């Protein structure tokens, strides 16, 4: 499903489409390794149309959908946290700062991040920089979140908690 999602994202970028555009699976066949309409390996049904923001849904397995959605949500939260750290370093905020993940100043560091879990339409709520964002739709999405994996991973302990003894001035603000 990650390959299908990446192919749809590439298709939208090449054709200058919004990530809210409903993608027909046959449109992205040329962006996949075998250039075929994507099918789930565990079945024979093709994926139904989907948007990049919501991601594909497996027609054969509810478990595949749950795993993909949870992984996508965790990725959104970690990318948003990474963007918030970069913003906080530039704005000279502290680890105790309250971050609004929908603020344009934060989103300028966020790239493709939508700020919304694929399970719903509610954006992530404001959060304290040291604690990071929390999914508004499913507590299970926070499980095994870990620290951001990007350029600022040195600012976190192995258990995923922020090392608040480090100054935010050590954050990498050149994320893209």
Protein backbone atom coordinates (compact mmCIF):
# COMPACT_ATOMS: atom_id res chain seq x y z
CA UNK A 1 0.00 0.00 0.00
CA UNK A 2 2.94 2.33 0.62
CA UNK A 3 4.05 1.84 -3.00
CA UNK A 4 0.54 2.60 -4.24
CA UNK A 5 0.43 5.70 -2.03
CA UNK A 6 3.84 6.88 -3.27
CA UNK A 7 2.82 6.29 -6.90
CA UNK A 8 -0.34 8.36 -6.39
CA UNK A 9 1.68 11.16 -4.77
CA UNK A 10 4.11 11.15 -7.73
CA UNK A 11 1.20 11.18 -10.18
CA UNK A 12 -0.33 14.23 -8.48
CA UNK A 13 2.99 16.08 -8.43
CA UNK A 14 3.75 15.36 -12.10
CA UNK A 15 0.24 16.34 -13.23
CA UNK A 16 0.02 19.30 -10.80
CA UNK A 17 -3.05 17.89 -9.06
CA UNK A 18 -4.14 18.54 -5.50
CA UNK A 19 -3.60 15.74 -2.99
CA UNK A 20 -7.40 15.88 -2.53
CA UNK A 21 -7.94 14.70 -6.13
CA UNK A 22 -9.67 11.31 -6.32
CA UNK A 23 -7.09 8.99 -7.96
CA UNK A 24 -8.21 6.13 -10.18
CA UNK A 25 -5.84 3.15 -9.70
CA UNK A 26 -5.35 2.74 -13.47
CA UNK A 27 -3.89 6.27 -13.61
CA UNK A 28 -0.91 5.29 -11.47
CA UNK A 29 -0.04 1.95 -13.10
CA UNK A 30 2.89 3.53 -14.96
CA UNK A 31 4.36 4.71 -11.66
CA UNK A 32 4.61 1.19 -10.27
CA UNK A 33 7.36 -1.37 -10.81
CA UNK A 34 5.33 -3.72 -13.02
CA UNK A 35 3.25 -0.93 -14.67
CA UNK A 36 0.00 -2.74 -13.84
CA UNK A 37 -3.14 -1.61 -12.07
CA UNK A 38 -2.32 -2.21 -8.40
CA UNK A 39 -3.83 -5.22 -6.65
CA UNK A 40 -3.35 -6.21 -3.05
CA UNK A 41 -1.03 -9.24 -2.91
CA UNK A 42 -3.49 -11.01 -0.61
CA UNK A 43 -6.41 -10.85 -3.05
CA UNK A 44 -7.54 -10.15 -6.57
CA UNK A 45 -9.61 -7.01 -6.18
CA UNK A 46 -8.14 -3.69 -7.38
CA UNK A 47 -7.87 -0.75 -5.03
CA UNK A 48 -10.87 1.59 -5.12
CA UNK A 49 -10.32 5.27 -6.05
CA UNK A 50 -8.67 7.29 -3.26
CA UNK A 51 -7.05 10.64 -2.48
CA UNK A 52 -3.39 11.01 -1.53
CA UNK A 53 -4.40 12.78 1.67
CA UNK A 54 -6.52 9.82 2.78
CA UNK A 55 -4.36 7.10 1.21
CA UNK A 56 -5.40 3.88 -0.51
CA UNK A 57 -7.69 1.34 1.15
CA UNK A 58 -7.17 -2.37 0.70
CA UNK A 59 -10.24 -4.08 -0.78
CA UNK A 60 -9.19 -7.45 0.63
CA UNK A 61 -8.05 -6.94 4.21
CA UNK A 62 -9.30 -4.70 7.00
CA UNK A 63 -6.04 -5.41 8.86
CA UNK A 64 -4.01 -3.98 5.97
CA UNK A 65 -6.08 -0.79 6.20
CA UNK A 66 -5.64 -0.48 9.97
CA UNK A 67 -1.88 -0.97 9.73
CA UNK A 68 -1.49 1.47 6.83
CA UNK A 69 -3.62 4.14 8.50
CA UNK A 70 -1.79 3.81 11.83
CA UNK A 71 1.61 3.98 10.11
CA UNK A 72 0.52 6.99 8.05
CA UNK A 73 -0.81 8.80 11.12
CA UNK A 74 2.41 8.11 13.05
CA UNK A 75 4.38 9.45 10.09
CA UNK A 76 2.23 12.60 10.00
CA UNK A 77 2.72 13.19 13.72
CA UNK A 78 6.48 12.67 13.55
CA UNK A 79 6.86 14.95 10.53
CA UNK A 80 4.73 17.59 12.25
CA UNK A 81 6.84 17.28 15.40
CA UNK A 82 10.00 17.66 13.32
CA UNK A 83 8.57 20.81 11.69
CA UNK A 84 7.56 22.19 15.09
CA UNK A 85 11.11 21.70 16.40
CA UNK A 86 12.56 23.57 13.42
CA UNK A 87 10.02 26.37 13.86
CA UNK A 88 10.70 26.57 17.61
CA UNK A 89 14.45 26.82 17.04
CA UNK A 90 14.03 29.73 14.61
CA UNK A 91 11.46 31.47 16.82
CA UNK A 92 13.66 30.90 19.91
CA UNK A 93 10.93 29.09 21.81
CA UNK A 94 11.43 26.72 24.73
CA UNK A 95 10.58 23.05 24.99
CA UNK A 96 7.54 24.10 27.06
CA UNK A 97 6.09 26.15 24.18
CA UNK A 98 2.58 25.37 23.00
CA UNK A 99 2.63 24.67 19.24
CA UNK A 100 -0.36 25.17 16.95
CA UNK A 101 0.18 22.58 14.20
CA UNK A 102 -2.13 24.47 11.83
CA UNK A 103 -0.19 27.75 12.05
CA UNK A 104 1.43 28.79 8.75
CA UNK A 105 4.71 29.48 10.59
CA UNK A 106 4.88 25.81 11.59
CA UNK A 107 3.56 24.41 8.31
CA UNK A 108 6.25 26.16 6.29
CA UNK A 109 8.64 23.53 7.71
CA UNK A 110 6.20 20.65 7.22
CA UNK A 111 6.39 19.79 3.50
CA UNK A 112 3.56 17.43 2.45
CA UNK A 113 2.23 16.97 5.99
CA UNK A 114 -1.54 17.49 6.09
CA UNK A 115 -1.82 17.81 9.87
CA UNK A 116 -4.78 15.41 9.84
CA UNK A 117 -4.95 11.71 10.69
CA UNK A 118 -6.19 9.65 7.71
CA UNK A 119 -8.95 8.26 9.95
CA UNK A 120 -10.76 11.55 10.18
CA UNK A 121 -10.93 15.21 9.38
CA UNK A 122 -9.94 16.67 12.75
CA UNK A 123 -6.51 18.31 12.68
CA UNK A 124 -3.97 17.46 15.35
CA UNK A 125 -4.56 19.65 18.40
CA UNK A 126 -2.03 22.16 19.71
CA UNK A 127 0.71 20.42 21.67
CA UNK A 128 3.64 21.14 23.93
CA UNK A 129 6.87 20.90 21.96
CA UNK A 130 8.47 18.49 24.45
CA UNK A 131 5.54 16.03 24.24
CA UNK A 132 4.68 16.15 20.54
CA UNK A 133 1.33 15.81 18.75
CA UNK A 134 -1.36 13.28 19.65
CA UNK A 135 -3.83 11.72 17.24
CA UNK A 136 -7.37 13.08 17.78
CA UNK A 137 -8.93 9.90 16.37
CA UNK A 138 -7.10 6.93 17.86
CA UNK A 139 -4.92 6.57 20.98
CA UNK A 140 -3.42 3.45 19.36
CA UNK A 141 -1.75 5.62 16.72
CA UNK A 142 0.56 7.09 19.35
CA UNK A 143 1.77 3.64 20.43
CA UNK A 144 5.37 2.92 19.40
CA UNK A 145 5.62 6.45 17.99
CA UNK A 146 9.24 6.95 19.02
CA UNK A 147 11.22 10.10 18.33
CA UNK A 148 11.28 11.95 15.03
CA UNK A 149 13.55 10.07 12.63
CA UNK A 150 14.75 13.09 10.67
CA UNK A 151 17.55 15.52 11.12
CA UNK A 152 16.64 16.34 14.73
CA UNK A 153 16.65 12.80 16.08
CA UNK A 154 19.72 13.70 18.20
CA UNK A 155 17.39 15.81 20.34
CA UNK A 156 15.48 12.77 21.60
CA UNK A 157 16.14 9.92 23.99
CA UNK A 158 15.85 6.30 22.85
CA UNK A 159 12.38 6.03 24.43
CA UNK A 160 11.06 8.86 22.24
CA UNK A 161 11.00 11.57 24.89
CA UNK A 162 12.51 14.94 24.12
CA UNK A 163 15.90 15.63 25.67
CA UNK A 164 14.85 18.97 27.12
CA UNK A 165 18.37 19.53 28.47
CA UNK A 166 19.50 20.30 24.90
CA UNK A 167 18.92 23.84 23.67
CA UNK A 168 16.62 24.18 20.67
CA UNK A 169 19.35 26.22 19.01
CA UNK A 170 20.91 22.84 18.12
CA UNK A 171 17.88 21.94 15.97
CA UNK A 172 18.34 21.67 12.22
CA UNK A 173 16.03 24.25 10.70
CA UNK A 174 16.96 23.51 7.07
CA UNK A 175 14.63 20.54 6.63
CA UNK A 176 14.06 20.74 2.89
